[in-house]
Each structure stands twice: as C-alpha cells, then as structure tokens.
C-alpha atoms as a PDB file:
ATOM      1  CA  MET A   1     -14.380 -87.703   6.808  1.00  0.00           C
ATOM      2  CA  LYS A   2     -17.976 -87.647   5.610  1.00  0.00           C
ATOM      3  CA  ILE A   3     -19.605 -90.704   7.189  1.00  0.00           C
ATOM      4  CA  GLY A   4     -22.975 -92.152   6.213  1.00  0.00           C
ATOM      5  CA  VAL A   5     -24.936 -93.621   9.114  1.00  0.00           C
ATOM      6  CA  THR A   6     -27.843 -95.883   8.262  1.00  0.00           C
ATOM      7  CA  GLY A   7     -30.286 -95.762  11.144  1.00  0.00           C
ATOM      8  CA  GLY A   8     -28.694 -92.478  12.141  1.00  0.00           C
ATOM      9  CA  ALA A   9     -32.004 -91.112  13.438  1.00  0.00           C
ATOM     10  CA  GLY A  10     -32.393 -94.005  15.879  1.00  0.00           C
ATOM     11  CA  PHE A  11     -31.265 -94.437  19.472  1.00  0.00           C
ATOM     12  CA  ILE A  12     -27.751 -95.802  18.895  1.00  0.00           C
ATOM     13  CA  GLY A  13     -27.479 -93.819  15.676  1.00  0.00           C
ATOM     14  CA  GLY A  14     -28.050 -90.521  17.418  1.00  0.00           C
ATOM     15  CA  HIS A  15     -25.190 -91.182  19.810  1.00  0.00           C
ATOM     16  CA  VAL A  16     -22.952 -92.328  16.938  1.00  0.00           C
ATOM     17  CA  ILE A  17     -23.720 -89.009  15.226  1.00  0.00           C
ATOM     18  CA  ASP A  18     -22.684 -87.157  18.397  1.00  0.00           C
ATOM     19  CA  GLU A  19     -19.428 -89.133  18.569  1.00  0.00           C
ATOM     20  CA  LEU A  20     -18.635 -88.479  14.905  1.00  0.00           C
ATOM     21  CA  VAL A  21     -19.196 -84.748  15.318  1.00  0.00           C
ATOM     22  CA  ALA A  22     -17.051 -84.658  18.463  1.00  0.00           C
ATOM     23  CA  ARG A  23     -14.186 -86.115  16.421  1.00  0.00           C
ATOM     24  CA  GLY A  24     -14.558 -83.653  13.565  1.00  0.00           C
ATOM     25  CA  HIS A  25     -16.294 -85.974  11.097  1.00  0.00           C
ATOM     26  CA  GLN A  26     -19.297 -84.916   9.013  1.00  0.00           C
ATOM     27  CA  PRO A  27     -22.223 -87.331   9.444  1.00  0.00           C
ATOM     28  CA  VAL A  28     -24.861 -87.983   6.810  1.00  0.00           C
ATOM     29  CA  ILE A  29     -28.033 -89.624   8.149  1.00  0.00           C
ATOM     30  CA  PHE A  30     -29.574 -92.235   5.853  1.00  0.00           C
ATOM     31  CA  ASP A  31     -33.232 -92.686   6.799  1.00  0.00           C
ATOM     32  CA  HIS A  32     -36.290 -93.979   4.952  1.00  0.00           C
ATOM     33  CA  LEU A  33     -38.609 -91.574   6.798  1.00  0.00           C
ATOM     34  CA  GLY A  34     -36.425 -88.502   6.423  1.00  0.00           C
ATOM     35  CA  ARG A  35     -35.994 -88.141  10.183  1.00  0.00           C
ATOM     36  CA  THR A  36     -33.086 -86.085  11.428  1.00  0.00           C
ATOM     37  CA  HIS A  37     -30.848 -85.727  14.451  1.00  0.00           C
ATOM     38  CA  ARG A  38     -30.291 -82.039  15.175  1.00  0.00           C
ATOM     39  CA  ASP A  39     -29.067 -80.164  12.090  1.00  0.00           C
ATOM     40  CA  HIS A  40     -27.146 -82.826  10.185  1.00  0.00           C
ATOM     41  CA  PRO A  41     -27.705 -83.676   6.497  1.00  0.00           C
ATOM     42  CA  VAL A  42     -30.262 -86.373   5.750  1.00  0.00           C
ATOM     43  CA  MET A  43     -30.374 -88.574   2.671  1.00  0.00           C
ATOM     44  CA  LEU A  44     -33.810 -90.089   2.134  1.00  0.00           C
ATOM     45  CA  GLY A  45     -33.501 -93.767   1.339  1.00  0.00           C
ATOM     46  CA  ASP A  46     -34.204 -97.334   2.404  1.00  0.00           C
ATOM     47  CA  VAL A  47     -31.477 -99.898   3.105  1.00  0.00           C
ATOM     48  CA  ARG A  48     -33.592-102.467   1.231  1.00  0.00           C
ATOM     49  CA  ASP A  49     -33.067-100.391  -1.932  1.00  0.00           C
ATOM     50  CA  ASP A  50     -29.727-101.357  -3.475  1.00  0.00           C
ATOM     51  CA  VAL A  51     -29.681 -98.275  -5.711  1.00  0.00           C
ATOM     52  CA  ALA A  52     -30.251 -95.929  -2.771  1.00  0.00           C
ATOM     53  CA  MET A  53     -27.493 -97.609  -0.765  1.00  0.00           C
ATOM     54  CA  ALA A  54     -25.096 -97.306  -3.688  1.00  0.00           C
ATOM     55  CA  GLU A  55     -26.021 -93.628  -3.990  1.00  0.00           C
ATOM     56  CA  LEU A  56     -25.191 -93.115  -0.307  1.00  0.00           C
ATOM     57  CA  ALA A  57     -21.815 -94.804  -0.764  1.00  0.00           C
ATOM     58  CA  ALA A  58     -21.082 -92.573  -3.754  1.00  0.00           C
ATOM     59  CA  HIS A  59     -21.364 -89.456  -1.595  1.00  0.00           C
ATOM     60  CA  VAL A  60     -19.518 -90.449   1.596  1.00  0.00           C
ATOM     61  CA  ASP A  61     -16.085 -91.635   2.720  1.00  0.00           C
ATOM     62  CA  GLY A  62     -17.365 -94.488   4.879  1.00  0.00           C
ATOM     63  CA  ILE A  63     -20.580 -96.058   6.210  1.00  0.00           C
ATOM     64  CA  ILE A  64     -21.638 -97.246   9.661  1.00  0.00           C
ATOM     65  CA  HIS A  65     -24.551 -99.620   9.099  1.00  0.00           C
ATOM     66  CA  LEU A  66     -26.988 -99.597  12.035  1.00  0.00           C
ATOM     67  CA  ALA A  67     -30.424 -99.745  10.383  1.00  0.00           C
ATOM     68  CA  ALA A  68     -32.346-102.920  11.179  1.00  0.00           C
ATOM     69  CA  CYS A  69     -35.738-104.418  11.833  1.00  0.00           C
ATOM     70  CA  LEU A  70     -35.613-104.866  15.611  1.00  0.00           C
ATOM     71  CA  GLY A  71     -37.389-107.229  17.956  1.00  0.00           C
ATOM     72  CA  THR A  72     -37.059-110.716  19.403  1.00  0.00           C
ATOM     73  CA  GLN A  73     -40.580-111.913  20.098  1.00  0.00           C
ATOM     74  CA  GLU A  74     -41.892-109.220  17.749  1.00  0.00           C
ATOM     75  CA  THR A  75     -40.296-110.867  14.680  1.00  0.00           C
ATOM     76  CA  ILE A  76     -40.879-114.564  15.370  1.00  0.00           C
ATOM     77  CA  LEU A  77     -44.474-114.776  14.142  1.00  0.00           C
ATOM     78  CA  ASN A  78     -43.482-112.971  10.937  1.00  0.00           C
ATOM     79  CA  PRO A  79     -39.759-113.187  10.242  1.00  0.00           C
ATOM     80  CA  ARG A  80     -39.930-111.780   6.716  1.00  0.00           C
ATOM     81  CA  PRO A  81     -39.568-108.071   7.613  1.00  0.00           C
ATOM     82  CA  ALA A  82     -36.453-108.910   9.642  1.00  0.00           C
ATOM     83  CA  ALA A  83     -35.062-111.011   6.810  1.00  0.00           C
ATOM     84  CA  LYS A  84     -35.754-108.371   4.164  1.00  0.00           C
ATOM     85  CA  THR A  85     -34.406-105.439   6.161  1.00  0.00           C
ATOM     86  CA  ASN A  86     -31.526-107.087   7.968  1.00  0.00           C
ATOM     87  CA  ILE A  87     -30.279-109.544   5.357  1.00  0.00           C
ATOM     88  CA  GLU A  88     -31.080-107.725   2.110  1.00  0.00           C
ATOM     89  CA  GLY A  89     -30.201-104.380   3.703  1.00  0.00           C
ATOM     90  CA  GLY A  90     -26.948-105.801   5.027  1.00  0.00           C
ATOM     91  CA  LEU A  91     -26.002-107.193   1.619  1.00  0.00           C
ATOM     92  CA  ASN A  92     -26.808-103.849  -0.001  1.00  0.00           C
ATOM     93  CA  PHE A  93     -24.484-102.179   2.520  1.00  0.00           C
ATOM     94  CA  LEU A  94     -21.663-104.620   1.734  1.00  0.00           C
ATOM     95  CA  GLU A  95     -22.146-104.304  -2.032  1.00  0.00           C
ATOM     96  CA  ALA A  96     -22.132-100.508  -1.743  1.00  0.00           C
ATOM     97  CA  ILE A  97     -18.871-100.267   0.203  1.00  0.00           C
ATOM     98  CA  ALA A  98     -17.331-102.835  -2.147  1.00  0.00           C
ATOM     99  CA  GLN A  99     -18.357-100.871  -5.232  1.00  0.00           C
ATOM    100  CA  TYR A 100     -16.949 -97.578  -3.980  1.00  0.00           C
ATOM    101  CA  LYS A 101     -14.035 -99.066  -2.029  1.00  0.00           C
ATOM    102  CA  ILE A 102     -14.884 -97.232   1.182  1.00  0.00           C
ATOM    103  CA  PRO A 103     -14.583 -98.492   4.769  1.00  0.00           C
ATOM    104  CA  GLY A 104     -17.579 -99.746   6.678  1.00  0.00           C
ATOM    105  CA  VAL A 105     -18.716-100.937  10.089  1.00  0.00           C
ATOM    106  CA  TYR A 106     -21.524-103.385  10.731  1.00  0.00           C
ATOM    107  CA  ILE A 107     -23.252-103.567  14.123  1.00  0.00           C
ATOM    108  CA  GLY A 108     -23.885-107.086  15.397  1.00  0.00           C
ATOM    109  CA  VAL A 109     -25.923-108.328  18.342  1.00  0.00           C
ATOM    110  CA  GLY A 110     -24.775-109.687  21.683  1.00  0.00           C
ATOM    111  CA  ASN A 111     -27.203-112.614  21.561  1.00  0.00           C
ATOM    112  CA  HIS A 112     -25.945-113.688  18.141  1.00  0.00           C
ATOM    113  CA  TRP A 113     -26.294-117.370  19.043  1.00  0.00           C
ATOM    114  CA  MET A 114     -30.024-117.258  19.873  1.00  0.00           C
ATOM    115  CA  GLN A 115     -32.513-118.838  17.477  1.00  0.00           C
ATOM    116  CA  ASN A 116     -34.859-115.929  16.789  1.00  0.00           C
ATOM    117  CA  SER A 117     -35.479-113.927  13.633  1.00  0.00           C
ATOM    118  CA  TYR A 118     -33.550-110.876  14.782  1.00  0.00           C
ATOM    119  CA  SER A 119     -30.418-112.714  15.905  1.00  0.00           C
ATOM    120  CA  ILE A 120     -30.423-115.052  12.905  1.00  0.00           C
ATOM    121  CA  SER A 121     -30.802-112.268  10.358  1.00  0.00           C
ATOM    122  CA  LYS A 122     -28.260-109.970  11.983  1.00  0.00           C
ATOM    123  CA  THR A 123     -25.634-112.683  12.384  1.00  0.00           C
ATOM    124  CA  THR A 124     -26.064-113.846   8.787  1.00  0.00           C
ATOM    125  CA  ILE A 125     -24.532-110.541   7.668  1.00  0.00           C
ATOM    126  CA  GLU A 126     -21.559-111.011  10.001  1.00  0.00           C
ATOM    127  CA  ARG A 127     -20.699-114.097   7.976  1.00  0.00           C
ATOM    128  CA  PHE A 128     -21.222-112.273   4.708  1.00  0.00           C
ATOM    129  CA  ALA A 129     -18.952-109.464   5.949  1.00  0.00           C
ATOM    130  CA  ALA A 130     -16.174-111.997   6.575  1.00  0.00           C
ATOM    131  CA  MET A 131     -16.715-113.384   3.058  1.00  0.00           C
ATOM    132  CA  PHE A 132     -16.669-109.916   1.475  1.00  0.00           C
ATOM    133  CA  ASN A 133     -13.456-108.999   3.310  1.00  0.00           C
ATOM    134  CA  LYS A 134     -11.747-112.203   2.165  1.00  0.00           C
ATOM    135  CA  GLU A 135     -13.090-112.532  -1.360  1.00  0.00           C
ATOM    136  CA  ARG A 136     -14.001-108.982  -2.373  1.00  0.00           C
ATOM    137  CA  GLY A 137     -11.345-106.976  -0.527  1.00  0.00           C
ATOM    138  CA  THR A 138     -13.783-104.901   1.495  1.00  0.00           C
ATOM    139  CA  ARG A 139     -12.738-103.089   4.664  1.00  0.00           C
ATOM    140  CA  CYS A 140     -15.610-103.907   6.974  1.00  0.00           C
ATOM    141  CA  ASN A 141     -15.229-104.276  10.730  1.00  0.00           C
ATOM    142  CA  VAL A 142     -17.958-105.822  12.880  1.00  0.00           C
ATOM    143  CA  VAL A 143     -18.862-104.637  16.380  1.00  0.00           C
ATOM    144  CA  ARG A 144     -21.346-106.494  18.569  1.00  0.00           C
ATOM    145  CA  LEU A 145     -23.000-104.537  21.365  1.00  0.00           C
ATOM    146  CA  VAL A 146     -24.656-106.220  24.299  1.00  0.00           C
ATOM    147  CA  ASN A 147     -27.827-104.467  25.513  1.00  0.00           C
ATOM    148  CA  ALA A 148     -27.255-100.768  24.841  1.00  0.00           C
ATOM    149  CA  TYR A 149     -28.907 -98.326  27.228  1.00  0.00           C
ATOM    150  CA  GLY A 150     -28.811 -94.600  27.816  1.00  0.00           C
ATOM    151  CA  PRO A 151     -30.713 -91.362  27.346  1.00  0.00           C
ATOM    152  CA  ARG A 152     -33.110 -90.881  24.427  1.00  0.00           C
ATOM    153  CA  GLN A 153     -34.031 -94.553  24.078  1.00  0.00           C
ATOM    154  CA  SER A 154     -37.602 -94.928  22.833  1.00  0.00           C
ATOM    155  CA  VAL A 155     -40.412 -96.053  25.125  1.00  0.00           C
ATOM    156  CA  ALA A 156     -42.917 -98.822  24.322  1.00  0.00           C
ATOM    157  CA  PRO A 157     -46.570 -99.147  25.440  1.00  0.00           C
ATOM    158  CA  PRO A 158     -48.155 -98.403  27.817  1.00  0.00           C
ATOM    159  CA  PHE A 159     -45.696 -95.540  28.201  1.00  0.00           C
ATOM    160  CA  GLY A 160     -44.876 -94.623  24.607  1.00  0.00           C
ATOM    161  CA  PRO A 161     -45.289 -95.526  20.916  1.00  0.00           C
ATOM    162  CA  ALA A 162     -42.178 -97.662  20.287  1.00  0.00           C
ATOM    163  CA  LYS A 163     -42.849-101.021  18.651  1.00  0.00           C
ATOM    164  CA  VAL A 164     -40.117-102.896  20.530  1.00  0.00           C
ATOM    165  CA  ARG A 165     -39.886-103.071  24.303  1.00  0.00           C
ATOM    166  CA  LYS A 166     -36.386-102.389  25.631  1.00  0.00           C
ATOM    167  CA  ILE A 167     -35.261-103.268  29.134  1.00  0.00           C
ATOM    168  CA  THR A 168     -34.055 -99.925  30.506  1.00  0.00           C
ATOM    169  CA  PRO A 169     -36.935 -97.666  29.350  1.00  0.00           C
ATOM    170  CA  SER A 170     -39.422-100.294  30.519  1.00  0.00           C
ATOM    171  CA  PHE A 171     -37.843-100.581  33.969  1.00  0.00           C
ATOM    172  CA  ALA A 172     -37.311 -96.827  34.358  1.00  0.00           C
ATOM    173  CA  CYS A 173     -40.843 -95.853  33.310  1.00  0.00           C
ATOM    174  CA  ARG A 174     -42.355 -98.330  35.740  1.00  0.00           C
ATOM    175  CA  ALA A 175     -40.131 -97.252  38.622  1.00  0.00           C
ATOM    176  CA  LEU A 176     -40.943 -93.589  38.006  1.00  0.00           C
ATOM    177  CA  THR A 177     -44.703 -94.149  37.811  1.00  0.00           C
ATOM    178  CA  GLY A 178     -45.006 -96.415  40.833  1.00  0.00           C
ATOM    179  CA  ARG A 179     -45.743 -99.607  38.907  1.00  0.00           C
ATOM    180  CA  PRO A 180     -44.136-103.010  39.540  1.00  0.00           C
ATOM    181  CA  ILE A 181     -41.165-103.758  37.301  1.00  0.00           C
ATOM    182  CA  GLU A 182     -41.994-106.675  35.007  1.00  0.00           C
ATOM    183  CA  ILE A 183     -39.258-109.234  34.396  1.00  0.00           C
ATOM    184  CA  TYR A 184     -39.510-112.122  31.959  1.00  0.00           C
ATOM    185  CA  GLY A 185     -38.559-115.429  33.574  1.00  0.00           C
ATOM    186  CA  ASP A 186     -36.907-115.695  36.981  1.00  0.00           C
ATOM    187  CA  GLY A 187     -34.611-112.753  36.253  1.00  0.00           C
ATOM    188  CA  GLU A 188     -31.459-114.737  36.912  1.00  0.00           C
ATOM    189  CA  GLN A 189     -30.489-114.690  33.259  1.00  0.00           C
ATOM    190  CA  ILE A 190     -27.483-112.487  32.511  1.00  0.00           C
ATOM    191  CA  SER A 191     -28.141-109.718  30.028  1.00  0.00           C
ATOM    192  CA  ASP A 192     -25.153-107.414  30.216  1.00  0.00           C
ATOM    193  CA  MET A 193     -25.601-103.714  29.545  1.00  0.00           C
ATOM    194  CA  VAL A 194     -23.329-101.230  27.791  1.00  0.00           C
ATOM    195  CA  HIS A 195     -23.853 -97.486  27.928  1.00  0.00           C
ATOM    196  CA  VAL A 196     -24.719 -96.237  24.464  1.00  0.00           C
ATOM    197  CA  THR A 197     -21.890 -93.692  24.497  1.00  0.00           C
ATOM    198  CA  ASP A 198     -19.372 -96.517  24.930  1.00  0.00           C
ATOM    199  CA  GLY A 199     -21.036 -98.417  22.101  1.00  0.00           C
ATOM    200  CA  ALA A 200     -20.804 -95.326  19.893  1.00  0.00           C
ATOM    201  CA  LYS A 201     -17.084 -94.980  20.647  1.00  0.00           C
ATOM    202  CA  ALA A 202     -16.458 -98.617  19.708  1.00  0.00           C
ATOM    203  CA  LEU A 203     -18.332 -98.221  16.425  1.00  0.00           C
ATOM    204  CA  VAL A 204     -16.548 -95.018  15.415  1.00  0.00           C
ATOM    205  CA  ASN A 205     -13.178 -96.438  16.490  1.00  0.00           C
ATOM    206  CA  ALA A 206     -13.845 -99.466  14.279  1.00  0.00           C
ATOM    207  CA  LEU A 207     -14.694 -97.194  11.338  1.00  0.00           C
ATOM    208  CA  GLU A 208     -11.506 -95.189  11.800  1.00  0.00           C
ATOM    209  CA  LYS A 209      -9.522 -98.440  11.960  1.00  0.00           C
ATOM    210  CA  ALA A 210     -11.088 -99.610   8.689  1.00  0.00           C
ATOM    211  CA  ALA A 211     -10.397 -96.219   7.086  1.00  0.00           C
ATOM    212  CA  GLY A 212      -6.748 -96.650   8.059  1.00  0.00           C
ATOM    213  CA  GLY A 213      -6.647-100.050   6.382  1.00  0.00           C
ATOM    214  CA  VAL A 214      -6.985-102.145   9.542  1.00  0.00           C
ATOM    215  CA  VAL A 215      -9.456-104.941   8.856  1.00  0.00           C
ATOM    216  CA  LEU A 216      -9.966-106.892  12.055  1.00  0.00           C
ATOM    217  CA  ASP A 217      -9.958-110.682  11.865  1.00  0.00           C
ATOM    218  CA  ARG A 218     -12.251-110.945  14.878  1.00  0.00           C
ATOM    219  CA  VAL A 219     -15.615-109.496  15.800  1.00  0.00           C
ATOM    220  CA  VAL A 220     -15.299-106.813  18.479  1.00  0.00           C
ATOM    221  CA  GLU A 221     -17.662-107.326  21.412  1.00  0.00           C
ATOM    222  CA  CYS A 222     -18.509-104.229  23.443  1.00  0.00           C
ATOM    223  CA  GLY A 223     -19.728-104.855  26.976  1.00  0.00           C
ATOM    224  CA  PRO A 224     -18.566-104.910  30.595  1.00  0.00           C
ATOM    225  CA  ALA A 225     -16.182-107.345  32.251  1.00  0.00           C
ATOM    226  CA  GLU A 226     -18.478-107.619  35.287  1.00  0.00           C
ATOM    227  CA  HIS A 227     -21.745-109.442  34.659  1.00  0.00           C
ATOM    228  CA  HIS A 228     -25.180-108.680  36.113  1.00  0.00           C
ATOM    229  CA  THR A 229     -28.489-110.507  36.131  1.00  0.00           C
ATOM    230  CA  VAL A 230     -31.705-108.888  34.972  1.00  0.00           C
ATOM    231  CA  ASN A 231     -32.855-108.831  38.604  1.00  0.00           C
ATOM    232  CA  GLU A 232     -29.744-106.866  39.543  1.00  0.00           C
ATOM    233  CA  VAL A 233     -30.362-104.349  36.752  1.00  0.00           C
ATOM    234  CA  ALA A 234     -33.943-103.907  37.949  1.00  0.00           C
ATOM    235  CA  ARG A 235     -32.800-103.312  41.521  1.00  0.00           C
ATOM    236  CA  LEU A 236     -30.339-100.678  40.330  1.00  0.00           C
ATOM    237  CA  VAL A 237     -33.187 -98.906  38.521  1.00  0.00           C
ATOM    238  CA  ILE A 238     -35.342 -99.027  41.659  1.00  0.00           C
ATOM    239  CA  LYS A 239     -32.467 -97.697  43.782  1.00  0.00           C
ATOM    240  CA  ALA A 240     -31.840 -94.847  41.340  1.00  0.00           C
ATOM    241  CA  ALA A 241     -35.537 -93.884  41.394  1.00  0.00           C
ATOM    242  CA  VAL A 242     -35.673 -94.027  45.210  1.00  0.00           C
ATOM    243  CA  ASN A 243     -32.602 -91.777  45.375  1.00  0.00           C
ATOM    244  CA  LEU A 244     -34.546 -89.254  43.292  1.00  0.00           C
ATOM    245  CA  GLY A 245     -37.425 -89.313  45.772  1.00  0.00           C
ATOM    246  CA  TYR A 246     -39.739 -91.850  44.140  1.00  0.00           C
ATOM    247  CA  ALA A 247     -41.394 -94.682  46.050  1.00  0.00           C
ATOM    248  CA  GLU A 248     -39.819 -98.127  45.928  1.00  0.00           C
ATOM    249  CA  VAL A 249     -41.634-100.532  43.602  1.00  0.00           C
ATOM    250  CA  PRO A 250     -41.680-104.354  43.657  1.00  0.00           C
ATOM    251  CA  LEU A 251     -40.546-106.838  41.016  1.00  0.00           C
ATOM    252  CA  VAL A 252     -42.995-109.188  39.300  1.00  0.00           C
ATOM    253  CA  HIS A 253     -42.049-112.113  37.080  1.00  0.00           C
ATOM    254  CA  LEU A 254     -43.752-113.030  33.817  1.00  0.00           C
ATOM    255  CA  PRO A 255     -43.344-116.067  31.533  1.00  0.00           C
ATOM    256  CA  MET A 256     -40.375-115.974  29.201  1.00  0.00           C
ATOM    257  CA  ARG A 257     -41.069-114.503  25.776  1.00  0.00           C
ATOM    258  CA  PRO A 258     -40.764-116.543  22.556  1.00  0.00           C
ATOM    259  CA  GLY A 259     -37.223-116.559  21.201  1.00  0.00           C
ATOM    260  CA  GLU A 260     -35.588-116.162  24.620  1.00  0.00           C
ATOM    261  CA  ILE A 261     -33.841-118.819  26.686  1.00  0.00           C
ATOM    262  CA  PRO A 262     -34.233-119.274  30.450  1.00  0.00           C
ATOM    263  CA  GLY A 263     -30.895-118.943  32.203  1.00  0.00           C
ATOM    264  CA  ALA A 264     -29.255-117.417  29.121  1.00  0.00           C
ATOM    265  CA  SER A 265     -26.023-115.475  29.466  1.00  0.00           C
ATOM    266  CA  VAL A 266     -25.574-112.582  27.027  1.00  0.00           C
ATOM    267  CA  THR A 267     -22.086-111.247  27.676  1.00  0.00           C
ATOM    268  CA  ALA A 268     -19.199-109.750  25.724  1.00  0.00           C
ATOM    269  CA  ASP A 269     -15.717-111.109  25.149  1.00  0.00           C
ATOM    270  CA  THR A 270     -13.912-108.085  26.546  1.00  0.00           C
ATOM    271  CA  THR A 271     -10.540-109.313  25.272  1.00  0.00           C
ATOM    272  CA  THR A 272     -11.656-107.988  21.867  1.00  0.00           C
ATOM    273  CA  LEU A 273     -12.123-104.366  22.992  1.00  0.00           C
ATOM    274  CA  PRO A 274      -8.405-103.466  22.698  1.00  0.00           C
ATOM    275  CA  LEU A 275      -8.735-104.169  18.958  1.00  0.00           C
ATOM    276  CA  VAL A 276     -10.547-100.819  18.769  1.00  0.00           C
ATOM    277  CA  GLY A 277      -8.379 -99.117  21.375  1.00  0.00           C
ATOM    278  CA  MET A 278     -10.720 -99.567  24.338  1.00  0.00           C
ATOM    279  CA  ASP A 279     -10.290-101.083  27.794  1.00  0.00           C
ATOM    280  CA  PRO A 280     -13.212-102.637  29.709  1.00  0.00           C
ATOM    281  CA  SER A 281     -12.209-100.564  32.742  1.00  0.00           C
ATOM    282  CA  SER A 282     -12.904 -97.387  30.747  1.00  0.00           C
ATOM    283  CA  LEU A 283     -16.593 -98.219  30.210  1.00  0.00           C
ATOM    284  CA  VAL A 284     -19.287 -96.354  32.147  1.00  0.00           C
ATOM    285  CA  PRO A 285     -19.959 -98.350  35.354  1.00  0.00           C
ATOM    286  CA  LEU A 286     -23.449 -99.841  35.310  1.00  0.00           C
ATOM    287  CA  GLN A 287     -24.555 -98.263  38.590  1.00  0.00           C
ATOM    288  CA  ASP A 288     -23.506 -94.791  37.422  1.00  0.00           C
ATOM    289  CA  GLY A 289     -25.046 -95.247  33.985  1.00  0.00           C
ATOM    290  CA  ILE A 290     -28.360 -96.494  35.347  1.00  0.00           C
ATOM    291  CA  ALA A 291     -28.533 -93.599  37.816  1.00  0.00           C
ATOM    292  CA  ASP A 292     -27.935 -91.113  35.010  1.00  0.00           C
ATOM    293  CA  VAL A 293     -30.487 -92.648  32.657  1.00  0.00           C
ATOM    294  CA  VAL A 294     -33.227 -92.886  35.305  1.00  0.00           C
ATOM    295  CA  ALA A 295     -32.602 -89.207  36.067  1.00  0.00           C
ATOM    296  CA  TRP A 296     -32.888 -88.460  32.327  1.00  0.00           C
ATOM    297  CA  TYR A 297     -36.281 -90.185  32.057  1.00  0.00           C
ATOM    298  CA  SER A 298     -37.426 -88.409  35.201  1.00  0.00           C
ATOM    299  CA  GLU A 299     -36.544 -85.026  33.702  1.00  0.00           C
ATOM    300  CA  HIS A 300     -37.284 -85.495  30.011  1.00  0.00           C
ATOM    301  CA  TRP A 301     -39.921 -88.228  29.699  1.00  0.00           C
ATOM    302  CA  LEU A 302     -42.034 -88.173  32.860  1.00  0.00           C
ATOM    303  CA  PRO A 303     -43.414 -84.597  32.656  1.00  0.00           C
ATOM    304  CA  GLY A 304     -44.819 -85.192  29.183  1.00  0.00           C
ATOM    305  CA  TYR A 305     -46.290 -88.553  30.174  1.00  0.00           C
ATOM    306  CA  GLN A 306     -47.986 -87.088  33.231  1.00  0.00           C
ATOM    307  CA  ALA A 307     -49.386 -84.189  31.176  1.00  0.00           C
ATOM    308  CA  ALA A 308     -50.844 -86.477  28.500  1.00  0.00           C
END
C-alpha cells in the first residue's frame, strides 16, 4: 500500500517510515517544510490546510497521522499553536480519510489525562476519532505511546536546536559530556518508556488492521508491563555511559515544570497490545534500549558537538 505519513520527517515518523518499507509498503512523507527521510517521496503541505490534507488522501491508500505541535510547558503560555495544529490538523486528517474512505491511524499520548495544552489538544482528537468511526463510518484506529525513545531523537539546548526537551536525549547528552543529569521534581514519578521501533510496529500494525476492516473499539496503549521511575531511567543512562568509558555523573533535582504533576504515573494498559498483535514481553527491554541509544548518541551526536 501507499501510506501517507504526516510528520514523517520527525523522530517517530522516521522510524514509522522504516517499518513501512520493511513490510513492503510505499511511504509518502507529508511535511510543511519539505523535509525528507532518505529517498522517499515528499508531499509539501501543512496539516492545518484542509485542502492539502484532502490532496494527500487522494493520492494514498491510508494515512498515519503523527504531525503535532509538541511540548508540555512549552505550550501552556500560548496554547493556540497546539490547538490549531493538533485539533484543526486532526480534524482535517479525519475529514480526509472520511472523504476518500481510506484507513487511518491517529497517535495519542500516554499522559492523555494531564491538563496541559498538548495533552488536551491531542486527546480531543481521540474523541473525534471515536465519533467519526461511529457516525461517519471511518476506519481510524488510535494508538497511544508512552514516552518514545531511541536513536535519531532531536536534542534541545544547550546541546542542540530542538524546541522541546525530551527525556532521553537530555539525559544522554549530559551523561556523555560530564554534566549532572537534571530531573524535574523528586524523580519518583513514573514515566514509562517505549523504544521507538516498538511504537512504529504498533502504529503500522494498527494501520494494517484498519485496512483490513478491523476498527478497534479501544485505544491501543503501547508501553512496557514493568514500570520505572524517572530516577531509575536516569541511573540506567548513567550506567550505560559508564560502561562506554565515560565518568559517572550525579543527579540534580529541579522544580516541576508547569503542566506536570508531582508523583504522576504515565503508564500503558498493556492488555490492549494484543489488539494489534503485540505482546508486552516482545518489547525492547528498557535496559537494553537505553544502552543502545546512549551508544548511538556517543557515536553520532557527540563528535559533532565536541567539534562545534
């Protein structure tokens, strides 16, 4: 199948593209900046443009909708960009797959219950997807990922230009440059991690289910059965860096950021994974995944940072 991927040039999108290609599908990247991932076709367009989204749907056999305005604290002071991109863009996606009667997958967020602009706007479209499936006959499955991590994730200041700070790049860059790892709050909050390749498999599986006429009546949640605190994730990063020959760094704790909840538990309902043919025991173990990703940043990110 020819599959459109909004946000296909992003972190999760790039791994979804890899998974589609591995299965023999033909991906089409939909990107408002014209960015690409390797040598795959790119359609220039913005998810906020209903005409552009309809044009994408007219030329593909299904759409995986990943594009979003990211950020928790970054979107609270000005929620409008998140609302415009995530809500209007999500509705344009649903209208497009309804018009052309093609299957779709929408990516949700693990912290869907939190009261911040990102979670609110993303979860609004989950409810619209359920309405479209019931009232408009769409074939849209929803997959929520907990914190996705893995190689190629963008790096925020002071280590890179990304606008949104993500946990694994932040921890890895600090461990590899000898700086203390900064943790918001006491670090005892649970923020489960899923390797991006497992997330990509869940998303593509959900698209193939929808293409086969299987519209799930539940949201699929992709994450591990075993839970870990943020402190535990940080210690795994430090251990992985030490095993590569880097010096051990300490942890430091900062005040919680706006939009986050002390003691929160962001986990996945793993009983939903079999709906897309996956078993929690098949997911990449956190210790192995963290070791691999720290090694990736050591090899691919650190030399350029040190040379800058």
